[in-house]
């Protein structure tokens, strides 16, 4: 039940737009953190222990704008001499697990097909 609430929270934030002009509302930091965690979590003892079904549940009903909002999340990249060993940010697509990348790819293909129709 807790993961379903998290899915709903992320989906709602992805869909949120400014009531006055329809512009996207930035994702809250808590949503960015949980979304990043779900997309990058790996369990070295069990490769099947991931959040791919949850990520699929989150992005399946989203329109293009909502999906792109989630995919525009920037995450710290390891390496270099920056604070805590991080010195740059990359788009989340560059750090997601293989399972998550596959799910995102299928949904990107869906929104591209929809735009062509």
N, C-alpha and C. Protein backbone atom coordinates (compact mmCIF):
# COMPACT_ATOMS: atom_id res chain seq x y z
N UNK A 1 0.83 -1.20 0.00
CA UNK A 1 0.00 0.00 0.00
C UNK A 1 0.87 1.26 0.00
N UNK A 2 1.99 1.21 0.70
CA UNK A 2 2.86 2.38 0.77
C UNK A 2 3.44 2.71 -0.61
N UNK A 3 3.86 1.69 -1.34
CA UNK A 3 4.41 1.95 -2.68
C UNK A 3 3.35 2.51 -3.63
N UNK A 4 2.11 2.08 -3.47
CA UNK A 4 1.03 2.63 -4.31
C UNK A 4 0.84 4.12 -4.02
N UNK A 5 0.94 4.51 -2.75
CA UNK A 5 0.82 5.93 -2.40
C UNK A 5 1.99 6.72 -2.98
N UNK A 6 3.17 6.14 -2.95
CA UNK A 6 4.34 6.81 -3.53
C UNK A 6 4.17 6.95 -5.04
N UNK A 7 3.69 5.90 -5.68
CA UNK A 7 3.42 5.97 -7.12
C UNK A 7 2.45 7.12 -7.42
N UNK A 8 1.39 7.18 -6.65
CA UNK A 8 0.38 8.22 -6.84
C UNK A 8 0.95 9.62 -6.63
N UNK A 9 1.80 9.77 -5.62
CA UNK A 9 2.42 11.05 -5.32
C UNK A 9 3.30 11.50 -6.49
N UNK A 10 4.10 10.59 -7.03
CA UNK A 10 4.99 10.94 -8.14
C UNK A 10 4.19 11.26 -9.39
N UNK A 11 3.18 10.45 -9.68
CA UNK A 11 2.32 10.68 -10.85
C UNK A 11 1.63 12.04 -10.75
N UNK A 12 1.09 12.34 -9.59
CA UNK A 12 0.40 13.63 -9.39
C UNK A 12 1.34 14.80 -9.60
N UNK A 13 2.54 14.69 -9.06
CA UNK A 13 3.53 15.77 -9.22
C UNK A 13 3.92 15.93 -10.69
N UNK A 14 4.04 14.82 -11.40
CA UNK A 14 4.41 14.87 -12.82
C UNK A 14 3.31 15.55 -13.65
N UNK A 15 2.07 15.38 -13.25
CA UNK A 15 0.94 15.95 -13.99
C UNK A 15 0.65 17.40 -13.61
N UNK A 16 1.18 17.86 -12.48
CA UNK A 16 0.82 19.17 -11.95
C UNK A 16 1.28 20.31 -12.85
N UNK A 17 0.34 21.22 -13.13
CA UNK A 17 0.63 22.42 -13.92
C UNK A 17 0.10 23.64 -13.17
N UNK A 18 0.63 24.78 -13.52
CA UNK A 18 0.20 26.04 -12.95
C UNK A 18 -1.23 26.33 -13.40
N UNK A 19 -2.11 26.60 -12.44
CA UNK A 19 -3.52 26.82 -12.75
C UNK A 19 -3.73 28.07 -13.60
N UNK A 20 -2.86 29.04 -13.47
CA UNK A 20 -3.04 30.29 -14.19
C UNK A 20 -2.64 30.21 -15.65
N UNK A 21 -1.51 29.58 -15.93
CA UNK A 21 -1.03 29.60 -17.32
C UNK A 21 -0.74 28.23 -17.91
N UNK A 22 -0.96 27.16 -17.14
CA UNK A 22 -0.75 25.82 -17.65
C UNK A 22 0.70 25.39 -17.74
N UNK A 23 1.61 26.21 -17.25
CA UNK A 23 3.03 25.84 -17.29
C UNK A 23 3.32 24.76 -16.26
N UNK A 24 4.32 23.93 -16.51
CA UNK A 24 4.64 22.85 -15.56
C UNK A 24 5.10 23.41 -14.22
N UNK A 25 4.72 22.73 -13.17
CA UNK A 25 5.17 23.06 -11.83
C UNK A 25 6.36 22.17 -11.53
N UNK A 26 7.46 22.72 -11.01
CA UNK A 26 8.64 21.88 -10.72
C UNK A 26 8.30 20.76 -9.74
N UNK A 27 8.99 19.65 -9.89
CA UNK A 27 8.80 18.53 -8.98
C UNK A 27 9.33 18.90 -7.60
N UNK A 28 8.60 18.58 -6.55
CA UNK A 28 9.11 18.82 -5.20
C UNK A 28 10.35 17.97 -4.93
N UNK A 29 11.26 18.46 -4.10
CA UNK A 29 12.49 17.71 -3.79
C UNK A 29 12.23 16.28 -3.31
N UNK A 30 11.19 16.07 -2.52
CA UNK A 30 10.89 14.72 -2.03
C UNK A 30 10.54 13.79 -3.18
N UNK A 31 9.80 14.28 -4.15
CA UNK A 31 9.44 13.49 -5.32
C UNK A 31 10.68 13.17 -6.14
N UNK A 32 11.54 14.15 -6.33
CA UNK A 32 12.78 13.93 -7.08
C UNK A 32 13.61 12.84 -6.40
N UNK A 33 13.70 12.90 -5.08
CA UNK A 33 14.49 11.91 -4.34
C UNK A 33 13.93 10.50 -4.49
N UNK A 34 12.63 10.34 -4.30
CA UNK A 34 12.02 9.02 -4.38
C UNK A 34 12.06 8.49 -5.82
N UNK A 35 11.78 9.35 -6.78
CA UNK A 35 11.84 8.95 -8.19
C UNK A 35 13.24 8.48 -8.56
N UNK A 36 14.25 9.23 -8.14
CA UNK A 36 15.64 8.87 -8.41
C UNK A 36 15.99 7.53 -7.77
N UNK A 37 15.58 7.36 -6.55
CA UNK A 37 15.84 6.10 -5.83
C UNK A 37 15.20 4.92 -6.56
N UNK A 38 13.93 5.06 -6.97
CA UNK A 38 13.25 3.96 -7.66
C UNK A 38 13.92 3.61 -8.99
N UNK A 39 14.41 4.62 -9.67
CA UNK A 39 15.00 4.40 -10.99
C UNK A 39 16.43 3.87 -10.94
N UNK A 40 17.09 4.02 -9.81
CA UNK A 40 18.51 3.66 -9.75
C UNK A 40 18.83 2.56 -8.74
N UNK A 41 17.84 2.10 -8.01
CA UNK A 41 18.07 1.10 -6.96
C UNK A 41 18.57 -0.22 -7.56
N UNK A 42 19.61 -0.74 -6.98
CA UNK A 42 20.09 -2.07 -7.35
C UNK A 42 20.40 -2.85 -6.08
N UNK A 43 20.08 -4.11 -6.11
CA UNK A 43 20.39 -5.01 -5.01
C UNK A 43 21.42 -6.00 -5.53
N UNK A 44 22.66 -5.91 -5.07
CA UNK A 44 23.69 -6.80 -5.59
C UNK A 44 23.44 -8.28 -5.30
N UNK A 45 22.59 -8.56 -4.32
CA UNK A 45 22.29 -9.95 -3.97
C UNK A 45 21.11 -10.52 -4.76
N UNK A 46 20.33 -9.65 -5.40
CA UNK A 46 19.16 -10.11 -6.14
C UNK A 46 18.86 -9.12 -7.26
N UNK A 47 19.28 -9.43 -8.47
CA UNK A 47 19.10 -8.51 -9.60
C UNK A 47 17.63 -8.27 -9.94
N UNK A 48 16.75 -9.16 -9.50
CA UNK A 48 15.32 -8.99 -9.75
C UNK A 48 14.64 -8.11 -8.71
N UNK A 49 15.39 -7.71 -7.69
CA UNK A 49 14.86 -6.83 -6.65
C UNK A 49 15.02 -5.39 -7.12
N UNK A 50 13.99 -4.86 -7.74
CA UNK A 50 14.02 -3.48 -8.23
C UNK A 50 12.60 -2.93 -8.23
N UNK A 51 12.45 -1.73 -8.70
CA UNK A 51 11.15 -1.05 -8.69
C UNK A 51 10.60 -0.86 -10.10
N UNK A 52 10.94 -1.76 -11.01
CA UNK A 52 10.50 -1.60 -12.39
C UNK A 52 8.98 -1.60 -12.54
N UNK A 53 8.30 -2.45 -11.81
CA UNK A 53 6.83 -2.46 -11.92
C UNK A 53 6.24 -1.16 -11.38
N UNK A 54 6.85 -0.61 -10.35
CA UNK A 54 6.37 0.66 -9.80
C UNK A 54 6.60 1.79 -10.78
N UNK A 55 7.78 1.82 -11.40
CA UNK A 55 8.08 2.84 -12.39
C UNK A 55 7.11 2.73 -13.56
N UNK A 56 6.83 1.52 -13.99
CA UNK A 56 5.86 1.31 -15.06
C UNK A 56 4.48 1.84 -14.65
N UNK A 57 4.06 1.54 -13.43
CA UNK A 57 2.77 2.04 -12.94
C UNK A 57 2.72 3.57 -12.91
N UNK A 58 3.86 4.19 -12.62
CA UNK A 58 3.91 5.65 -12.54
C UNK A 58 3.80 6.27 -13.92
N UNK A 59 4.58 5.77 -14.87
CA UNK A 59 4.66 6.47 -16.16
C UNK A 59 3.64 6.02 -17.19
N UNK A 60 3.05 4.84 -17.02
CA UNK A 60 2.09 4.34 -18.02
C UNK A 60 0.95 5.32 -18.32
N UNK A 61 0.32 5.92 -17.32
CA UNK A 61 -0.80 6.81 -17.63
C UNK A 61 -0.41 8.25 -17.96
N UNK A 62 0.87 8.58 -17.92
CA UNK A 62 1.28 9.96 -18.12
C UNK A 62 1.22 10.37 -19.58
N UNK A 63 0.93 11.65 -19.80
CA UNK A 63 1.02 12.20 -21.14
C UNK A 63 2.48 12.58 -21.40
N UNK A 64 2.74 13.10 -22.57
CA UNK A 64 4.11 13.43 -22.95
C UNK A 64 4.76 14.40 -21.97
N UNK A 65 4.02 15.43 -21.59
CA UNK A 65 4.57 16.45 -20.71
C UNK A 65 4.94 15.88 -19.35
N UNK A 66 4.07 15.03 -18.80
CA UNK A 66 4.35 14.43 -17.50
C UNK A 66 5.55 13.50 -17.55
N UNK A 67 5.64 12.71 -18.60
CA UNK A 67 6.78 11.81 -18.76
C UNK A 67 8.08 12.60 -18.90
N UNK A 68 8.05 13.63 -19.72
CA UNK A 68 9.26 14.42 -19.92
C UNK A 68 9.67 15.16 -18.65
N UNK A 69 8.71 15.54 -17.85
CA UNK A 69 9.03 16.19 -16.58
C UNK A 69 9.82 15.25 -15.68
N UNK A 70 9.40 14.00 -15.61
CA UNK A 70 10.13 13.02 -14.81
C UNK A 70 11.50 12.71 -15.40
N UNK A 71 11.59 12.68 -16.72
CA UNK A 71 12.85 12.35 -17.36
C UNK A 71 13.84 13.52 -17.36
N UNK A 72 13.36 14.71 -17.03
CA UNK A 72 14.25 15.87 -16.97
C UNK A 72 14.93 16.01 -15.61
N UNK A 73 14.64 15.11 -14.69
CA UNK A 73 15.27 15.16 -13.37
C UNK A 73 16.78 15.03 -13.53
N UNK A 74 17.50 15.88 -12.83
CA UNK A 74 18.96 15.85 -12.82
C UNK A 74 19.43 15.19 -11.53
N UNK A 75 20.45 14.36 -11.65
CA UNK A 75 21.00 13.68 -10.48
C UNK A 75 22.51 13.90 -10.43
N UNK A 76 23.05 13.85 -9.23
CA UNK A 76 24.49 14.02 -9.06
C UNK A 76 25.21 12.82 -9.64
N UNK A 77 26.30 13.10 -10.30
CA UNK A 77 27.12 12.04 -10.89
C UNK A 77 28.38 11.88 -10.06
N UNK A 78 28.72 10.64 -9.75
CA UNK A 78 29.92 10.38 -8.97
C UNK A 78 31.17 10.70 -9.77
N UNK A 79 32.21 11.03 -9.03
CA UNK A 79 33.50 11.26 -9.65
C UNK A 79 34.01 12.65 -9.41
N UNK A 80 35.28 12.83 -9.57
CA UNK A 80 35.87 14.15 -9.42
C UNK A 80 36.05 14.55 -7.97
N UNK A 81 36.44 15.76 -7.77
CA UNK A 81 36.77 16.22 -6.43
C UNK A 81 35.73 17.08 -5.79
N UNK A 82 34.53 17.10 -6.32
CA UNK A 82 33.47 17.93 -5.73
C UNK A 82 33.07 17.44 -4.35
N UNK A 83 32.18 18.19 -3.74
CA UNK A 83 31.71 17.84 -2.40
C UNK A 83 31.12 16.43 -2.41
N UNK A 84 31.50 15.62 -1.46
CA UNK A 84 31.03 14.24 -1.32
C UNK A 84 31.34 13.37 -2.54
N UNK A 85 32.36 13.77 -3.32
CA UNK A 85 32.74 12.97 -4.48
C UNK A 85 31.89 13.20 -5.72
N UNK A 86 30.98 14.19 -5.66
CA UNK A 86 30.12 14.48 -6.81
C UNK A 86 30.53 15.83 -7.39
N UNK A 87 30.64 15.90 -8.70
CA UNK A 87 31.03 17.17 -9.27
C UNK A 87 30.19 17.61 -10.46
N UNK A 88 29.19 16.85 -10.81
CA UNK A 88 28.34 17.27 -11.92
C UNK A 88 26.97 16.62 -11.81
N UNK A 89 26.07 17.12 -12.62
CA UNK A 89 24.73 16.54 -12.68
C UNK A 89 24.49 15.99 -14.07
N UNK A 90 23.73 14.91 -14.12
CA UNK A 90 23.36 14.30 -15.40
C UNK A 90 21.85 14.05 -15.37
N UNK A 91 21.27 13.88 -16.54
CA UNK A 91 19.86 13.52 -16.61
C UNK A 91 19.67 12.12 -16.09
N UNK A 92 18.54 11.89 -15.48
CA UNK A 92 18.29 10.60 -14.85
C UNK A 92 18.42 9.44 -15.82
N UNK A 93 18.12 9.65 -17.10
CA UNK A 93 18.23 8.57 -18.08
C UNK A 93 19.64 8.01 -18.18
N UNK A 94 20.63 8.79 -17.77
CA UNK A 94 22.02 8.33 -17.86
C UNK A 94 22.40 7.42 -16.69
N UNK A 95 21.56 7.32 -15.67
CA UNK A 95 21.93 6.53 -14.50
C UNK A 95 20.88 5.49 -14.10
N UNK A 96 19.79 5.38 -14.83
CA UNK A 96 18.77 4.39 -14.49
C UNK A 96 19.29 2.98 -14.71
N UNK A 97 18.67 2.01 -14.05
CA UNK A 97 19.06 0.62 -14.25
C UNK A 97 18.59 0.16 -15.64
N UNK A 98 19.11 -0.98 -16.09
CA UNK A 98 18.74 -1.50 -17.41
C UNK A 98 17.24 -1.81 -17.50
N UNK A 99 16.68 -2.39 -16.45
CA UNK A 99 15.25 -2.70 -16.46
C UNK A 99 14.41 -1.42 -16.58
N UNK A 100 14.80 -0.41 -15.83
CA UNK A 100 14.06 0.85 -15.87
C UNK A 100 14.24 1.51 -17.24
N UNK A 101 15.44 1.47 -17.78
CA UNK A 101 15.68 2.05 -19.10
C UNK A 101 14.78 1.41 -20.16
N UNK A 102 14.61 0.11 -20.08
CA UNK A 102 13.76 -0.60 -21.02
C UNK A 102 12.30 -0.14 -20.91
N UNK A 103 11.83 0.02 -19.69
CA UNK A 103 10.45 0.47 -19.47
C UNK A 103 10.27 1.89 -20.00
N UNK A 104 11.21 2.76 -19.67
CA UNK A 104 11.13 4.14 -20.13
C UNK A 104 11.16 4.19 -21.66
N UNK A 105 12.02 3.40 -22.27
CA UNK A 105 12.12 3.37 -23.72
C UNK A 105 10.79 2.99 -24.36
N UNK A 106 10.10 2.00 -23.79
CA UNK A 106 8.82 1.59 -24.37
C UNK A 106 7.78 2.70 -24.24
N UNK A 107 7.80 3.42 -23.14
CA UNK A 107 6.84 4.51 -22.97
C UNK A 107 7.19 5.72 -23.84
N UNK A 108 8.47 5.97 -24.04
CA UNK A 108 8.87 7.03 -24.96
C UNK A 108 8.40 6.71 -26.38
N UNK A 109 8.54 5.46 -26.77
CA UNK A 109 8.06 5.04 -28.10
C UNK A 109 6.55 5.26 -28.21
N UNK A 110 5.83 4.98 -27.14
CA UNK A 110 4.38 5.17 -27.13
C UNK A 110 4.02 6.64 -27.34
N UNK A 111 4.68 7.55 -26.63
CA UNK A 111 4.33 8.97 -26.77
C UNK A 111 4.75 9.52 -28.13
N UNK A 112 5.83 8.99 -28.69
CA UNK A 112 6.24 9.41 -30.02
C UNK A 112 5.20 8.97 -31.05
N UNK A 113 4.74 7.71 -30.93
CA UNK A 113 3.68 7.23 -31.84
C UNK A 113 2.43 8.08 -31.72
N UNK A 114 2.06 8.42 -30.49
CA UNK A 114 0.87 9.22 -30.25
C UNK A 114 0.99 10.59 -30.91
N UNK A 115 2.16 11.17 -30.84
CA UNK A 115 2.38 12.50 -31.43
C UNK A 115 2.31 12.45 -32.95
N UNK A 116 2.71 11.32 -33.53
CA UNK A 116 2.68 11.18 -35.00
C UNK A 116 1.26 11.01 -35.51
N UNK A 117 0.37 10.47 -34.69
CA UNK A 117 -1.01 10.22 -35.12
C UNK A 117 -1.85 11.48 -35.16
